[in-house]
């Protein structure tokens, strides 16, 4: 193993030997683990997340969605399908020169 990689993961020269058989190479991860486990609070509002995810999509049935143009015209979303690999429909793509 190259010295650069060994330095990046914190190995010493004697901890890893390239001359051994592949099956004999064992890496002990236990000394790199933290003794304390950290518990992060998990407070996810899935209904809100789902609502926000669907904001720029149109349901075409059977849980299939297509992206729609995100621009708002006359206080409502455009709703047209965008060009492939573009964010906007033909009308807004031309007007915004994106």
PDB file of N, CA and C in Angstrom:
ATOM      1  N   UNK A   1       0.863  -1.172   0.000  1.00  0.00           N
ATOM      2  CA  UNK A   1       0.000   0.000   0.000  1.00  0.00           C
ATOM      3  C   UNK A   1       0.902   1.226   0.000  1.00  0.00           C
ATOM      4  N   UNK A   2       0.550   2.228  -0.795  1.00  0.00           N
ATOM      5  CA  UNK A   2       1.394   3.404  -0.896  1.00  0.00           C
ATOM      6  C   UNK A   2       1.468   4.180   0.407  1.00  0.00           C
ATOM      7  N   UNK A   3       2.604   4.856   0.617  1.00  0.00           N
ATOM      8  CA  UNK A   3       2.787   5.631   1.845  1.00  0.00           C
ATOM      9  C   UNK A   3       1.757   6.743   1.971  1.00  0.00           C
ATOM     10  N   UNK A   4       1.360   7.339   0.832  1.00  0.00           N
ATOM     11  CA  UNK A   4       0.377   8.420   0.876  1.00  0.00           C
ATOM     12  C   UNK A   4      -0.946   7.919   1.446  1.00  0.00           C
ATOM     13  N   UNK A   5      -1.414   6.775   0.969  1.00  0.00           N
ATOM     14  CA  UNK A   5      -2.680   6.217   1.448  1.00  0.00           C
ATOM     15  C   UNK A   5      -2.560   5.824   2.912  1.00  0.00           C
ATOM     16  N   UNK A   6      -1.431   5.240   3.286  1.00  0.00           N
ATOM     17  CA  UNK A   6      -1.248   4.830   4.682  1.00  0.00           C
ATOM     18  C   UNK A   6      -1.266   6.044   5.596  1.00  0.00           C
ATOM     19  N   UNK A   7      -0.682   7.155   5.160  1.00  0.00           N
ATOM     20  CA  UNK A   7      -0.686   8.371   5.974  1.00  0.00           C
ATOM     21  C   UNK A   7      -2.086   8.961   6.080  1.00  0.00           C
ATOM     22  N   UNK A   8      -2.876   8.875   5.003  1.00  0.00           N
ATOM     23  CA  UNK A   8      -4.229   9.438   5.006  1.00  0.00           C
ATOM     24  C   UNK A   8      -5.136   8.722   5.994  1.00  0.00           C
ATOM     25  N   UNK A   9      -4.982   7.410   6.108  1.00  0.00           N
ATOM     26  CA  UNK A   9      -5.860   6.676   7.021  1.00  0.00           C
ATOM     27  C   UNK A   9      -5.211   6.416   8.371  1.00  0.00           C
ATOM     28  N   UNK A  10      -4.020   6.962   8.579  1.00  0.00           N
ATOM     29  CA  UNK A  10      -3.394   6.908   9.893  1.00  0.00           C
ATOM     30  C   UNK A  10      -2.694   5.603  10.215  1.00  0.00           C
ATOM     31  N   UNK A  11      -2.191   4.893   9.204  1.00  0.00           N
ATOM     32  CA  UNK A  11      -1.493   3.632   9.452  1.00  0.00           C
ATOM     33  C   UNK A  11       0.007   3.863   9.569  1.00  0.00           C
ATOM     34  N   UNK A  12       0.629   3.062  10.379  1.00  0.00           N
ATOM     35  CA  UNK A  12       2.087   3.054  10.466  1.00  0.00           C
ATOM     36  C   UNK A  12       2.607   2.006   9.485  1.00  0.00           C
ATOM     37  N   UNK A  13       3.888   2.069   9.171  1.00  0.00           N
ATOM     38  CA  UNK A  13       4.503   1.143   8.212  1.00  0.00           C
ATOM     39  C   UNK A  13       4.329  -0.317   8.623  1.00  0.00           C
ATOM     40  N   UNK A  14       4.414  -0.600   9.909  1.00  0.00           N
ATOM     41  CA  UNK A  14       4.352  -1.990  10.367  1.00  0.00           C
ATOM     42  C   UNK A  14       2.920  -2.503  10.535  1.00  0.00           C
ATOM     43  N   UNK A  15       1.905  -1.652  10.400  1.00  0.00           N
ATOM     44  CA  UNK A  15       0.521  -2.091  10.587  1.00  0.00           C
ATOM     45  C   UNK A  15      -0.039  -2.771   9.345  1.00  0.00           C
ATOM     46  N   UNK A  16       0.563  -2.535   8.202  1.00  0.00           N
ATOM     47  CA  UNK A  16       0.043  -3.087   6.962  1.00  0.00           C
ATOM     48  C   UNK A  16       1.227  -3.497   6.111  1.00  0.00           C
ATOM     49  N   UNK A  17       1.282  -4.743   5.699  1.00  0.00           N
ATOM     50  CA  UNK A  17       2.426  -5.255   4.973  1.00  0.00           C
ATOM     51  C   UNK A  17       1.954  -5.774   3.622  1.00  0.00           C
ATOM     52  N   UNK A  18       2.491  -5.233   2.529  1.00  0.00           N
ATOM     53  CA  UNK A  18       2.090  -5.655   1.186  1.00  0.00           C
ATOM     54  C   UNK A  18       2.648  -7.017   0.805  1.00  0.00           C
ATOM     55  N   UNK A  19       3.599  -7.528   1.540  1.00  0.00           N
ATOM     56  CA  UNK A  19       4.229  -8.795   1.185  1.00  0.00           C
ATOM     57  C   UNK A  19       3.425 -10.005   1.633  1.00  0.00           C
ATOM     58  N   UNK A  20       2.365  -9.818   2.391  1.00  0.00           N
ATOM     59  CA  UNK A  20       1.571 -10.954   2.858  1.00  0.00           C
ATOM     60  C   UNK A  20       0.554 -11.353   1.805  1.00  0.00           C
ATOM     61  N   UNK A  21       0.038 -12.555   1.937  1.00  0.00           N
ATOM     62  CA  UNK A  21      -0.998 -13.052   1.040  1.00  0.00           C
ATOM     63  C   UNK A  21      -2.267 -12.223   1.233  1.00  0.00           C
ATOM     64  N   UNK A  22      -3.076 -12.083   0.180  1.00  0.00           N
ATOM     65  CA  UNK A  22      -4.290 -11.270   0.248  1.00  0.00           C
ATOM     66  C   UNK A  22      -5.206 -11.731   1.369  1.00  0.00           C
ATOM     67  N   UNK A  23      -5.349 -13.023   1.564  1.00  0.00           N
ATOM     68  CA  UNK A  23      -6.241 -13.547   2.596  1.00  0.00           C
ATOM     69  C   UNK A  23      -5.717 -13.293   4.008  1.00  0.00           C
ATOM     70  N   UNK A  24      -4.435 -13.022   4.145  1.00  0.00           N
ATOM     71  CA  UNK A  24      -3.857 -12.773   5.461  1.00  0.00           C
ATOM     72  C   UNK A  24      -3.951 -11.306   5.871  1.00  0.00           C
ATOM     73  N   UNK A  25      -4.357 -10.439   4.971  1.00  0.00           N
ATOM     74  CA  UNK A  25      -4.429  -9.011   5.278  1.00  0.00           C
ATOM     75  C   UNK A  25      -5.684  -8.743   6.094  1.00  0.00           C
ATOM     76  N   UNK A  26      -5.499  -8.432   7.331  1.00  0.00           N
ATOM     77  CA  UNK A  26      -6.617  -8.158   8.228  1.00  0.00           C
ATOM     78  C   UNK A  26      -6.414  -6.765   8.790  1.00  0.00           C
ATOM     79  N   UNK A  27      -7.434  -5.967   8.732  1.00  0.00           N
ATOM     80  CA  UNK A  27      -7.354  -4.610   9.256  1.00  0.00           C
ATOM     81  C   UNK A  27      -8.251  -4.526  10.476  1.00  0.00           C
ATOM     82  N   UNK A  28      -7.704  -4.060  11.579  1.00  0.00           N
ATOM     83  CA  UNK A  28      -8.457  -3.973  12.824  1.00  0.00           C
ATOM     84  C   UNK A  28      -9.068  -2.578  12.939  1.00  0.00           C
ATOM     85  N   UNK A  29     -10.376  -2.482  12.641  1.00  0.00           N
ATOM     86  CA  UNK A  29     -11.073  -1.200  12.711  1.00  0.00           C
ATOM     87  C   UNK A  29     -11.437  -0.820  14.141  1.00  0.00           C
ATOM     88  N   UNK A  30     -11.389  -1.757  15.050  1.00  0.00           N
ATOM     89  CA  UNK A  30     -11.876  -1.499  16.406  1.00  0.00           C
ATOM     90  C   UNK A  30     -11.097  -0.389  17.102  1.00  0.00           C
ATOM     91  N   UNK A  31      -9.818  -0.230  16.799  1.00  0.00           N
ATOM     92  CA  UNK A  31      -9.055   0.806  17.489  1.00  0.00           C
ATOM     93  C   UNK A  31      -9.355   2.207  16.951  1.00  0.00           C
ATOM     94  N   UNK A  32     -10.057   2.293  15.820  1.00  0.00           N
ATOM     95  CA  UNK A  32     -10.413   3.587  15.255  1.00  0.00           C
ATOM     96  C   UNK A  32     -11.842   3.992  15.598  1.00  0.00           C
ATOM     97  N   UNK A  33     -12.594   3.105  16.205  1.00  0.00           N
ATOM     98  CA  UNK A  33     -13.966   3.411  16.595  1.00  0.00           C
ATOM     99  C   UNK A  33     -13.980   4.182  17.904  1.00  0.00           C
ATOM    100  N   UNK A  34     -15.009   4.977  18.076  1.00  0.00           N
ATOM    101  CA  UNK A  34     -15.174   5.733  19.303  1.00  0.00           C
ATOM    102  C   UNK A  34     -15.754   4.829  20.381  1.00  0.00           C
ATOM    103  N   UNK A  35     -15.292   4.994  21.598  1.00  0.00           N
ATOM    104  CA  UNK A  35     -15.815   4.203  22.708  1.00  0.00           C
ATOM    105  C   UNK A  35     -17.214   4.659  23.092  1.00  0.00           C
ATOM    106  N   UNK A  36     -17.498   5.946  22.896  1.00  0.00           N
ATOM    107  CA  UNK A  36     -18.814   6.482  23.229  1.00  0.00           C
ATOM    108  C   UNK A  36     -19.685   6.475  21.979  1.00  0.00           C
ATOM    109  N   UNK A  37     -20.905   6.044  22.127  1.00  0.00           N
ATOM    110  CA  UNK A  37     -21.820   6.149  20.998  1.00  0.00           C
ATOM    111  C   UNK A  37     -22.588   7.458  21.130  1.00  0.00           C
ATOM    112  N   UNK A  38     -22.749   8.126  20.014  1.00  0.00           N
ATOM    113  CA  UNK A  38     -23.418   9.413  19.997  1.00  0.00           C
ATOM    114  C   UNK A  38     -24.821   9.208  19.444  1.00  0.00           C
ATOM    115  N   UNK A  39     -25.814   9.711  20.141  1.00  0.00           N
ATOM    116  CA  UNK A  39     -27.191   9.601  19.690  1.00  0.00           C
ATOM    117  C   UNK A  39     -27.640  10.975  19.213  1.00  0.00           C
ATOM    118  N   UNK A  40     -28.035  11.029  17.946  1.00  0.00           N
ATOM    119  CA  UNK A  40     -28.524  12.270  17.371  1.00  0.00           C
ATOM    120  C   UNK A  40     -30.043  12.272  17.424  1.00  0.00           C
ATOM    121  N   UNK A  41     -30.644  13.427  17.684  1.00  0.00           N
ATOM    122  CA  UNK A  41     -32.108  13.479  17.705  1.00  0.00           C
ATOM    123  C   UNK A  41     -32.662  13.258  16.298  1.00  0.00           C
ATOM    124  N   UNK A  42     -33.705  12.472  16.208  1.00  0.00           N
ATOM    125  CA  UNK A  42     -34.317  12.164  14.921  1.00  0.00           C
ATOM    126  C   UNK A  42     -35.738  12.694  14.932  1.00  0.00           C
ATOM    127  N   UNK A  43     -35.909  13.851  14.337  1.00  0.00           N
ATOM    128  CA  UNK A  43     -37.216  14.485  14.313  1.00  0.00           C
ATOM    129  C   UNK A  43     -37.507  14.911  12.879  1.00  0.00           C
ATOM    130  N   UNK A  44     -38.036  13.986  12.080  1.00  0.00           N
ATOM    131  CA  UNK A  44     -38.303  14.249  10.672  1.00  0.00           C
ATOM    132  C   UNK A  44     -39.804  14.254  10.448  1.00  0.00           C
ATOM    133  N   UNK A  45     -40.299  15.320   9.866  1.00  0.00           N
ATOM    134  CA  UNK A  45     -41.709  15.409   9.503  1.00  0.00           C
ATOM    135  C   UNK A  45     -41.838  14.938   8.055  1.00  0.00           C
ATOM    136  N   UNK A  46     -42.197  13.671   7.872  1.00  0.00           N
ATOM    137  CA  UNK A  46     -42.237  13.096   6.539  1.00  0.00           C
ATOM    138  C   UNK A  46     -43.360  13.680   5.684  1.00  0.00           C
ATOM    139  N   UNK A  47     -44.450  14.092   6.288  1.00  0.00           N
ATOM    140  CA  UNK A  47     -45.530  14.716   5.516  1.00  0.00           C
ATOM    141  C   UNK A  47     -45.073  16.042   4.918  1.00  0.00           C
ATOM    142  N   UNK A  48     -44.369  16.849   5.711  1.00  0.00           N
ATOM    143  CA  UNK A  48     -43.843  18.126   5.231  1.00  0.00           C
ATOM    144  C   UNK A  48     -42.791  17.889   4.141  1.00  0.00           C
ATOM    145  N   UNK A  49     -41.913  16.912   4.364  1.00  0.00           N
ATOM    146  CA  UNK A  49     -40.867  16.610   3.389  1.00  0.00           C
ATOM    147  C   UNK A  49     -41.478  16.138   2.073  1.00  0.00           C
ATOM    148  N   UNK A  50     -42.504  15.312   2.155  1.00  0.00           N
ATOM    149  CA  UNK A  50     -43.175  14.819   0.955  1.00  0.00           C
ATOM    150  C   UNK A  50     -43.848  15.959   0.204  1.00  0.00           C
ATOM    151  N   UNK A  51     -44.471  16.865   0.936  1.00  0.00           N
ATOM    152  CA  UNK A  51     -45.130  18.023   0.322  1.00  0.00           C
ATOM    153  C   UNK A  51     -44.118  18.889  -0.423  1.00  0.00           C
ATOM    154  N   UNK A  52     -42.976  19.143   0.194  1.00  0.00           N
ATOM    155  CA  UNK A  52     -41.947  19.971  -0.435  1.00  0.00           C
ATOM    156  C   UNK A  52     -41.332  19.265  -1.640  1.00  0.00           C
ATOM    157  N   UNK A  53     -41.177  17.935  -1.558  1.00  0.00           N
ATOM    158  CA  UNK A  53     -40.603  17.169  -2.661  1.00  0.00           C
ATOM    159  C   UNK A  53     -41.523  17.230  -3.876  1.00  0.00           C
ATOM    160  N   UNK A  54     -42.846  17.228  -3.643  1.00  0.00           N
ATOM    161  CA  UNK A  54     -43.820  17.230  -4.733  1.00  0.00           C
ATOM    162  C   UNK A  54     -44.082  18.623  -5.301  1.00  0.00           C
ATOM    163  N   UNK A  55     -43.503  19.660  -4.718  1.00  0.00           N
ATOM    164  CA  UNK A  55     -43.773  21.031  -5.163  1.00  0.00           C
ATOM    165  C   UNK A  55     -43.490  21.250  -6.643  1.00  0.00           C
ATOM    166  N   UNK A  56     -42.426  20.677  -7.171  1.00  0.00           N
ATOM    167  CA  UNK A  56     -42.070  20.921  -8.568  1.00  0.00           C
ATOM    168  C   UNK A  56     -42.303  19.692  -9.442  1.00  0.00           C
ATOM    169  N   UNK A  57     -43.266  18.850  -9.041  1.00  0.00           N
ATOM    170  CA  UNK A  57     -43.567  17.640  -9.795  1.00  0.00           C
ATOM    171  C   UNK A  57     -45.063  17.519 -10.031  1.00  0.00           C
ATOM    172  N   UNK A  58     -45.419  16.773 -11.070  1.00  0.00           N
ATOM    173  CA  UNK A  58     -46.808  16.521 -11.413  1.00  0.00           C
ATOM    174  C   UNK A  58     -47.038  15.021 -11.339  1.00  0.00           C
ATOM    175  N   UNK A  59     -48.054  14.609 -10.600  1.00  0.00           N
ATOM    176  CA  UNK A  59     -48.383  13.192 -10.478  1.00  0.00           C
ATOM    177  C   UNK A  59     -49.095  12.753 -11.751  1.00  0.00           C
ATOM    178  N   UNK A  60     -48.512  11.770 -12.457  1.00  0.00           N
ATOM    179  CA  UNK A  60     -49.130  11.273 -13.686  1.00  0.00           C
ATOM    180  C   UNK A  60     -49.768   9.907 -13.472  1.00  0.00           C
ATOM    181  N   UNK A  61     -49.959   9.539 -12.208  1.00  0.00           N
ATOM    182  CA  UNK A  61     -50.638   8.286 -11.887  1.00  0.00           C
ATOM    183  C   UNK A  61     -49.687   7.189 -11.460  1.00  0.00           C
ATOM    184  N   UNK A  62     -50.221   6.284 -10.637  1.00  0.00           N
ATOM    185  CA  UNK A  62     -49.470   5.115 -10.154  1.00  0.00           C
ATOM    186  C   UNK A  62     -48.132   5.501  -9.531  1.00  0.00           C
ATOM    187  N   UNK A  63     -48.131   6.556  -8.757  1.00  0.00           N
ATOM    188  CA  UNK A  63     -46.931   7.045  -8.067  1.00  0.00           C
ATOM    189  C   UNK A  63     -45.788   7.383  -9.016  1.00  0.00           C
ATOM    190  N   UNK A  64     -46.114   7.816 -10.209  1.00  0.00           N
ATOM    191  CA  UNK A  64     -45.119   8.303 -11.157  1.00  0.00           C
ATOM    192  C   UNK A  64     -45.236   9.816 -11.227  1.00  0.00           C
ATOM    193  N   UNK A  65     -44.095  10.477 -11.284  1.00  0.00           N
ATOM    194  CA  UNK A  65     -44.062  11.933 -11.281  1.00  0.00           C
ATOM    195  C   UNK A  65     -43.178  12.429 -12.411  1.00  0.00           C
ATOM    196  N   UNK A  66     -43.500  13.602 -12.928  1.00  0.00           N
ATOM    197  CA  UNK A  66     -42.645  14.292 -13.889  1.00  0.00           C
ATOM    198  C   UNK A  66     -42.414  15.697 -13.351  1.00  0.00           C
ATOM    199  N   UNK A  67     -41.246  16.240 -13.663  1.00  0.00           N
ATOM    200  CA  UNK A  67     -40.936  17.603 -13.239  1.00  0.00           C
ATOM    201  C   UNK A  67     -41.766  18.586 -14.044  1.00  0.00           C
ATOM    202  N   UNK A  68     -42.095  19.717 -13.429  1.00  0.00           N
ATOM    203  CA  UNK A  68     -42.797  20.791 -14.124  1.00  0.00           C
ATOM    204  C   UNK A  68     -41.974  22.064 -14.004  1.00  0.00           C
ATOM    205  N   UNK A  69     -42.275  23.004 -14.882  1.00  0.00           N
ATOM    206  CA  UNK A  69     -41.595  24.299 -14.867  1.00  0.00           C
ATOM    207  C   UNK A  69     -41.886  24.992 -13.534  1.00  0.00           C
ATOM    208  N   UNK A  70     -40.863  25.436 -12.808  1.00  0.00           N
ATOM    209  CA  UNK A  70     -41.081  25.988 -11.468  1.00  0.00           C
ATOM    210  C   UNK A  70     -41.503  27.456 -11.427  1.00  0.00           C
ATOM    211  N   UNK A  71     -41.495  28.144 -12.563  1.00  0.00           N
ATOM    212  CA  UNK A  71     -41.804  29.573 -12.538  1.00  0.00           C
ATOM    213  C   UNK A  71     -43.288  29.818 -12.315  1.00  0.00           C
ATOM    214  N   UNK A  72     -43.582  30.940 -11.675  1.00  0.00           N
ATOM    215  CA  UNK A  72     -44.957  31.294 -11.341  1.00  0.00           C
ATOM    216  C   UNK A  72     -45.415  32.398 -12.285  1.00  0.00           C
ATOM    217  N   UNK A  73     -46.564  32.175 -12.907  1.00  0.00           N
ATOM    218  CA  UNK A  73     -47.139  33.198 -13.779  1.00  0.00           C
ATOM    219  C   UNK A  73     -48.584  33.433 -13.357  1.00  0.00           C
ATOM    220  N   UNK A  74     -48.940  34.669 -13.164  1.00  0.00           N
ATOM    221  CA  UNK A  74     -50.287  35.062 -12.728  1.00  0.00           C
ATOM    222  C   UNK A  74     -50.709  34.311 -11.462  1.00  0.00           C
ATOM    223  N   UNK A  75     -49.834  34.310 -10.481  1.00  0.00           N
ATOM    224  CA  UNK A  75     -50.078  33.732  -9.152  1.00  0.00           C
ATOM    225  C   UNK A  75     -50.316  32.226  -9.145  1.00  0.00           C
ATOM    226  N   UNK A  76     -49.897  31.518 -10.183  1.00  0.00           N
ATOM    227  CA  UNK A  76     -49.945  30.056 -10.149  1.00  0.00           C
ATOM    228  C   UNK A  76     -48.741  29.511 -10.909  1.00  0.00           C
ATOM    229  N   UNK A  77     -48.414  28.260 -10.632  1.00  0.00           N
ATOM    230  CA  UNK A  77     -47.260  27.648 -11.279  1.00  0.00           C
ATOM    231  C   UNK A  77     -47.528  27.458 -12.760  1.00  0.00           C
ATOM    232  N   UNK A  78     -46.472  27.532 -13.533  1.00  0.00           N
ATOM    233  CA  UNK A  78     -46.569  27.350 -14.978  1.00  0.00           C
ATOM    234  C   UNK A  78     -47.155  25.968 -15.291  1.00  0.00           C
ATOM    235  N   UNK A  79     -46.575  24.916 -14.762  1.00  0.00           N
ATOM    236  CA  UNK A  79     -47.117  23.573 -14.923  1.00  0.00           C
ATOM    237  C   UNK A  79     -46.725  22.859 -16.198  1.00  0.00           C
ATOM    238  N   UNK A  80     -46.030  23.536 -17.119  1.00  0.00           N
ATOM    239  CA  UNK A  80     -45.592  22.866 -18.345  1.00  0.00           C
ATOM    240  C   UNK A  80     -44.390  21.979 -18.040  1.00  0.00           C
ATOM    241  N   UNK A  81     -44.217  20.971 -18.872  1.00  0.00           N
ATOM    242  CA  UNK A  81     -43.052  20.100 -18.711  1.00  0.00           C
ATOM    243  C   UNK A  81     -41.812  20.796 -19.272  1.00  0.00           C
ATOM    244  N   UNK A  82     -40.697  20.693 -18.574  1.00  0.00           N
ATOM    245  CA  UNK A  82     -39.468  21.326 -19.068  1.00  0.00           C
ATOM    246  C   UNK A  82     -38.825  20.515 -20.185  1.00  0.00           C
ATOM    247  N   UNK A  83     -37.927  21.176 -20.911  1.00  0.00           N
ATOM    248  CA  UNK A  83     -37.112  20.480 -21.902  1.00  0.00           C
ATOM    249  C   UNK A  83     -36.297  19.400 -21.204  1.00  0.00           C
ATOM    250  N   UNK A  84     -35.917  18.349 -21.930  1.00  0.00           N
ATOM    251  CA  UNK A  84     -34.997  17.369 -21.332  1.00  0.00           C
ATOM    252  C   UNK A  84     -33.687  18.054 -20.924  1.00  0.00           C
ATOM    253  N   UNK A  85     -33.210  17.732 -19.756  1.00  0.00           N
ATOM    254  CA  UNK A  85     -31.963  18.277 -19.196  1.00  0.00           C
ATOM    255  C   UNK A  85     -32.017  19.788 -18.970  1.00  0.00           C
ATOM    256  N   UNK A  86     -33.207  20.357 -18.901  1.00  0.00           N
ATOM    257  CA  UNK A  86     -33.378  21.779 -18.614  1.00  0.00           C
ATOM    258  C   UNK A  86     -34.304  21.926 -17.415  1.00  0.00           C
ATOM    259  N   UNK A  87     -34.306  23.106 -16.816  1.00  0.00           N
ATOM    260  CA  UNK A  87     -35.159  23.356 -15.658  1.00  0.00           C
ATOM    261  C   UNK A  87     -36.485  24.003 -16.021  1.00  0.00           C
ATOM    262  N   UNK A  88     -36.565  24.612 -17.216  1.00  0.00           N
ATOM    263  CA  UNK A  88     -37.736  25.401 -17.568  1.00  0.00           C
ATOM    264  C   UNK A  88     -38.380  24.882 -18.848  1.00  0.00           C
ATOM    265  N   UNK A  89     -39.644  25.248 -19.029  1.00  0.00           N
ATOM    266  CA  UNK A  89     -40.361  24.900 -20.257  1.00  0.00           C
ATOM    267  C   UNK A  89     -39.834  25.765 -21.401  1.00  0.00           C
ATOM    268  N   UNK A  90     -40.340  25.519 -22.611  1.00  0.00           N
ATOM    269  CA  UNK A  90     -39.862  26.248 -23.781  1.00  0.00           C
ATOM    270  C   UNK A  90     -40.110  27.754 -23.647  1.00  0.00           C
ATOM    271  N   UNK A  91     -41.275  28.137 -23.160  1.00  0.00           N
ATOM    272  CA  UNK A  91     -41.618  29.560 -23.039  1.00  0.00           C
ATOM    273  C   UNK A  91     -40.668  30.270 -22.080  1.00  0.00           C
ATOM    274  N   UNK A  92     -40.461  29.717 -20.909  1.00  0.00           N
ATOM    275  CA  UNK A  92     -39.620  30.384 -19.908  1.00  0.00           C
ATOM    276  C   UNK A  92     -38.136  30.216 -20.194  1.00  0.00           C
ATOM    277  N   UNK A  93     -37.773  29.168 -20.887  1.00  0.00           N
ATOM    278  CA  UNK A  93     -36.373  28.982 -21.267  1.00  0.00           C
ATOM    279  C   UNK A  93     -35.958  30.084 -22.240  1.00  0.00           C
ATOM    280  N   UNK A  94     -36.828  30.383 -23.200  1.00  0.00           N
ATOM    281  CA  UNK A  94     -36.522  31.420 -24.190  1.00  0.00           C
ATOM    282  C   UNK A  94     -36.522  32.803 -23.541  1.00  0.00           C
ATOM    283  N   UNK A  95     -37.506  33.090 -22.697  1.00  0.00           N
ATOM    284  CA  UNK A  95     -37.600  34.416 -22.070  1.00  0.00           C
ATOM    285  C   UNK A  95     -36.477  34.664 -21.070  1.00  0.00           C
ATOM    286  N   UNK A  96     -36.058  33.627 -20.365  1.00  0.00           N
ATOM    287  CA  UNK A  96     -35.006  33.799 -19.359  1.00  0.00           C
ATOM    288  C   UNK A  96     -33.612  33.628 -19.937  1.00  0.00           C
ATOM    289  N   UNK A  97     -33.516  33.142 -21.173  1.00  0.00           N
ATOM    290  CA  UNK A  97     -32.222  32.915 -21.838  1.00  0.00           C
ATOM    291  C   UNK A  97     -31.284  32.136 -20.938  1.00  0.00           C
ATOM    292  N   UNK A  98     -31.784  31.032 -20.427  1.00  0.00           N
ATOM    293  CA  UNK A  98     -30.992  30.200 -19.517  1.00  0.00           C
ATOM    294  C   UNK A  98     -30.317  29.109 -20.298  1.00  0.00           C
TER     295      UNK A  98
END
